[in-house]
Amino acid sequence: MVSFKVIALTLIFTTSLFAQQSKLSKAVNFLSGYISSRHFSELKKTNTDFALVDSIYLSALKYENYNYSETLFALIFTTVPYNKVPIVIPLLKDIVDYPLTSANNPVFELKNKNLPKNLLFDSPQNNFGDKDKLAHFFGSAFLSYSTLFLDLSRLIGYFVEVFEQDFKVQSSIDNRDLYADMLGEYFGKILRKDKSILPSQIFAVVTARYLSYQFP
């Protein structure tokens, strides 16, 4: 399941007709190219998925000239493993595929293949794993970092999850999505005070706590 609070807001507040000409689109193309690159593929051979997330984040931060809001925003769309969202029109019951800002198809597919997937202590052990959780994480981080109302990210997260039950095909509220939202919210809050914080530190702390309960 995919729930992207910032994507939902973007569908309302941006004009998709000009997405390919936008600054956001250029950032998504650049970062998708990085994730699909031979260099990143080599990094995958010797680094943990936590470290790979940091590499993506730091690459985005450098590209956006250390503008943290723009970095987090670009990372939402870069890490979304879908390039369109099926939406059900409730009254008409028609299904519409809404296009999302993404790289061209060959790069998009290779980017998806290379996305880190082992992010949570219970990540599914298959080819997809938790690749969709990165967009949750960076979406909540963006809202938490960029607004003075720090709890807004959590409220919007719940709203979008419920919204999807009516408008998304075969959708239901997913507690693991909400958990990724919560981790992103914490990252955004800490980032406001400490620019040295990295995504891996949030994921690592959660994993360490889980292991401490499993193996006291």
Protein backbone atom coordinates (compact mmCIF):
# COMPACT_ATOMS: atom_id res chain seq x y z
CA MET A 1 0.00 0.00 0.00
CA VAL A 2 1.14 3.52 -0.67
CA SER A 3 0.10 6.57 1.32
CA PHE A 4 1.86 9.79 0.50
CA LYS A 5 0.56 12.78 2.44
CA VAL A 6 2.71 15.27 0.58
CA ILE A 7 1.74 13.81 -2.77
CA ALA A 8 -1.90 14.29 -1.82
CA LEU A 9 -1.20 17.92 -0.99
CA THR A 10 0.80 18.35 -4.18
CA LEU A 11 -2.07 17.02 -6.28
CA ILE A 12 -4.08 19.92 -4.92
CA PHE A 13 -1.52 22.74 -4.82
CA THR A 14 0.66 22.16 -7.92
CA THR A 15 0.05 22.00 -11.66
CA SER A 16 1.07 18.61 -13.04
CA LEU A 17 0.93 19.88 -16.65
CA PHE A 18 4.24 21.67 -16.05
CA ALA A 19 5.81 19.07 -13.75
CA GLN A 20 8.45 18.02 -16.27
CA GLN A 21 9.67 21.63 -16.50
CA SER A 22 9.76 22.21 -12.78
CA LYS A 23 12.64 22.43 -10.35
CA LEU A 24 11.16 19.44 -8.56
CA SER A 25 11.23 17.36 -11.73
CA LYS A 26 14.89 18.20 -12.33
CA ALA A 27 15.75 17.16 -8.79
CA VAL A 28 13.82 13.90 -9.11
CA ASN A 29 15.56 13.13 -12.39
CA PHE A 30 18.99 13.84 -10.89
CA LEU A 31 18.39 11.75 -7.76
CA SER A 32 16.77 8.91 -9.67
CA GLY A 33 19.85 8.90 -11.88
CA TYR A 34 22.05 8.67 -8.80
CA ILE A 35 20.13 5.74 -7.34
CA SER A 36 20.14 3.93 -10.68
CA SER A 37 23.84 4.60 -11.29
CA ARG A 38 26.65 2.03 -11.38
CA HIS A 39 28.25 3.84 -8.45
CA PHE A 40 25.17 3.29 -6.29
CA SER A 41 24.95 -0.34 -7.39
CA GLU A 42 28.53 -0.79 -6.20
CA LEU A 43 27.67 0.84 -2.87
CA LYS A 44 24.91 -1.73 -2.41
CA LYS A 45 27.48 -4.52 -2.40
CA THR A 46 29.34 -3.26 0.68
CA ASN A 47 26.88 -1.07 2.60
CA THR A 48 23.79 -1.62 4.71
CA ASP A 49 20.44 -0.31 3.56
CA PHE A 50 20.61 2.28 6.36
CA ALA A 51 23.87 3.61 4.92
CA LEU A 52 22.35 3.65 1.43
CA VAL A 53 19.48 5.83 2.66
CA ASP A 54 22.05 8.24 4.08
CA SER A 55 23.87 8.28 0.75
CA ILE A 56 20.65 9.21 -1.08
CA TYR A 57 19.81 11.87 1.51
CA LEU A 58 23.29 13.43 1.41
CA SER A 59 23.30 13.43 -2.39
CA ALA A 60 19.94 15.23 -2.38
CA LEU A 61 21.14 17.70 0.24
CA LYS A 62 24.18 18.61 -1.85
CA TYR A 63 22.09 18.92 -5.03
CA GLU A 64 19.64 21.26 -3.28
CA ASN A 65 22.49 23.41 -1.89
CA TYR A 66 21.63 22.36 1.67
CA ASN A 67 18.07 23.65 1.52
CA TYR A 68 16.56 21.07 3.85
CA SER A 69 12.91 21.63 2.95
CA GLU A 70 13.57 21.28 -0.77
CA THR A 71 15.77 18.26 -0.13
CA LEU A 72 13.06 16.42 1.80
CA PHE A 73 10.40 17.40 -0.72
CA ALA A 74 12.44 16.10 -3.67
CA LEU A 75 13.15 12.87 -1.81
CA ILE A 76 9.45 12.12 -1.43
CA PHE A 77 8.93 11.93 -5.18
CA THR A 78 12.30 10.33 -5.85
CA THR A 79 11.67 7.42 -3.49
CA VAL A 80 8.06 6.77 -4.51
CA PRO A 81 8.22 3.34 -6.23
CA TYR A 82 5.24 4.23 -8.43
CA ASN A 83 4.86 6.69 -11.28
CA LYS A 84 1.08 6.83 -11.19
CA VAL A 85 -1.62 6.35 -8.59
CA PRO A 86 -4.94 4.62 -9.34
CA ILE A 87 -7.74 6.74 -7.88
CA VAL A 88 -11.38 5.69 -7.63
CA ILE A 89 -13.98 8.43 -8.13
CA PRO A 90 -16.44 7.43 -5.37
CA LEU A 91 -19.75 8.39 -7.00
CA LEU A 92 -18.87 7.38 -10.55
CA LYS A 93 -16.78 4.37 -9.49
CA ASP A 94 -14.41 5.14 -12.35
CA ILE A 95 -10.68 4.44 -11.95
CA VAL A 96 -8.26 7.16 -13.02
CA ASP A 97 -4.47 6.75 -13.14
CA TYR A 98 -2.98 10.01 -11.88
CA PRO A 99 0.65 10.52 -13.04
CA LEU A 100 3.30 11.44 -10.49
CA THR A 101 6.52 13.33 -11.08
CA SER A 102 9.14 10.71 -11.90
CA ALA A 103 12.15 9.92 -14.07
CA ASN A 104 11.77 8.36 -17.50
CA ASN A 105 10.79 4.71 -17.46
CA PRO A 106 14.18 2.91 -17.82
CA VAL A 107 15.74 5.06 -15.06
CA PHE A 108 12.58 4.81 -12.96
CA GLU A 109 12.61 1.00 -13.08
CA LEU A 110 16.32 0.73 -12.25
CA LYS A 111 15.91 3.27 -9.45
CA ASN A 112 13.13 1.13 -7.98
CA LYS A 113 15.33 -1.95 -8.21
CA ASN A 114 18.09 -0.21 -6.25
CA LEU A 115 15.94 1.42 -3.55
CA PRO A 116 16.84 0.26 0.00
CA LYS A 117 14.25 -2.22 1.23
CA ASN A 118 15.32 -3.45 4.70
CA LEU A 119 14.41 -0.44 6.81
CA LEU A 120 12.26 -1.71 9.67
CA PHE A 121 12.77 -4.60 12.05
CA ASP A 122 9.91 -6.48 10.38
CA SER A 123 10.61 -5.60 6.75
CA PRO A 124 9.19 -8.30 4.44
CA GLN A 125 11.95 -10.56 3.18
CA ASN A 126 11.15 -10.35 -0.51
CA ASN A 127 12.28 -8.30 -3.50
CA PHE A 128 10.11 -5.32 -2.60
CA GLY A 129 10.49 -5.27 1.19
CA ASP A 130 9.85 -1.78 2.57
CA LYS A 131 10.80 0.29 -0.47
CA ASP A 132 7.53 2.21 -0.22
CA LYS A 133 8.28 3.30 3.36
CA LEU A 134 10.96 5.78 2.31
CA ALA A 135 8.39 8.13 0.77
CA HIS A 136 6.37 7.91 3.98
CA PHE A 137 9.48 8.71 5.99
CA PHE A 138 10.59 11.69 3.91
CA GLY A 139 7.03 12.96 3.49
CA SER A 140 6.48 13.20 7.23
CA ALA A 141 9.98 14.59 7.70
CA PHE A 142 9.22 17.35 5.19
CA LEU A 143 6.01 18.36 6.94
CA SER A 144 7.53 18.11 10.41
CA TYR A 145 10.61 20.12 9.45
CA SER A 146 8.86 22.72 7.32
CA THR A 147 5.93 23.71 9.52
CA LEU A 148 5.75 25.41 12.91
CA PHE A 149 2.86 23.12 13.80
CA LEU A 150 4.94 20.04 14.41
CA ASP A 151 2.02 17.67 15.02
CA LEU A 152 0.50 18.52 11.63
CA SER A 153 2.47 15.75 9.93
CA ARG A 154 0.84 13.07 12.07
CA LEU A 155 -2.64 14.53 11.64
CA ILE A 156 -2.26 14.71 7.87
CA GLY A 157 -0.87 11.17 7.88
CA TYR A 158 -4.02 9.82 9.48
CA PHE A 159 -6.19 11.94 7.19
CA VAL A 160 -4.55 10.63 4.03
CA GLU A 161 -4.72 7.03 5.23
CA VAL A 162 -8.48 7.36 5.73
CA PHE A 163 -8.83 9.34 2.49
CA GLU A 164 -7.25 6.45 0.60
CA GLN A 165 -9.93 4.02 1.74
CA ASP A 166 -12.43 5.94 -0.37
CA PHE A 167 -10.26 7.00 -3.30
CA LYS A 168 -7.52 4.36 -3.68
CA VAL A 169 -7.95 0.96 -5.34
CA GLN A 170 -7.77 -1.96 -2.87
CA SER A 171 -6.59 0.23 -0.05
CA SER A 172 -6.89 0.01 3.72
CA ILE A 173 -5.22 1.69 6.68
CA ASP A 174 -1.75 0.20 7.16
CA ASN A 175 -0.22 0.57 10.60
CA ARG A 176 3.29 0.01 9.20
CA ASP A 177 2.81 2.99 6.89
CA LEU A 178 1.77 5.09 9.87
CA TYR A 179 4.82 3.85 11.76
CA ALA A 180 7.10 5.02 8.95
CA ASP A 181 5.24 8.34 9.03
CA MET A 182 5.98 8.63 12.75
CA LEU A 183 9.70 7.94 12.26
CA GLY A 184 9.86 10.61 9.57
CA GLU A 185 8.10 13.05 11.86
CA TYR A 186 10.75 12.48 14.54
CA PHE A 187 13.53 12.92 11.98
CA GLY A 188 12.06 16.24 10.86
CA LYS A 189 11.70 17.50 14.42
CA ILE A 190 15.29 16.62 15.31
CA LEU A 191 16.55 18.07 12.03
CA ARG A 192 15.16 21.48 12.95
CA LYS A 193 17.60 21.55 15.89
CA ASP A 194 20.46 19.34 14.72
CA LYS A 195 21.45 19.43 11.04
CA SER A 196 23.94 16.60 11.55
CA ILE A 197 21.21 14.00 12.14
CA LEU A 198 20.98 11.29 9.47
CA PRO A 199 18.05 9.03 8.53
CA SER A 200 20.07 5.94 9.43
CA GLN A 201 20.25 7.07 13.04
CA ILE A 202 16.46 7.03 13.33
CA PHE A 203 16.12 3.59 11.74
CA ALA A 204 19.06 2.19 13.72
CA VAL A 205 17.67 3.31 17.07
CA VAL A 206 14.33 1.65 16.33
CA THR A 207 16.05 -1.58 15.29
CA ALA A 208 18.28 -1.54 18.38
CA ARG A 209 15.29 -1.09 20.66
CA TYR A 210 13.47 -3.96 18.98
CA LEU A 211 16.50 -6.25 19.34
CA SER A 212 16.90 -5.29 22.98
CA TYR A 213 13.37 -6.49 23.65
CA GLN A 214 13.89 -9.68 21.65
CA PHE A 215 17.28 -10.50 23.16
CA PRO A 216 17.50 -8.82 26.60
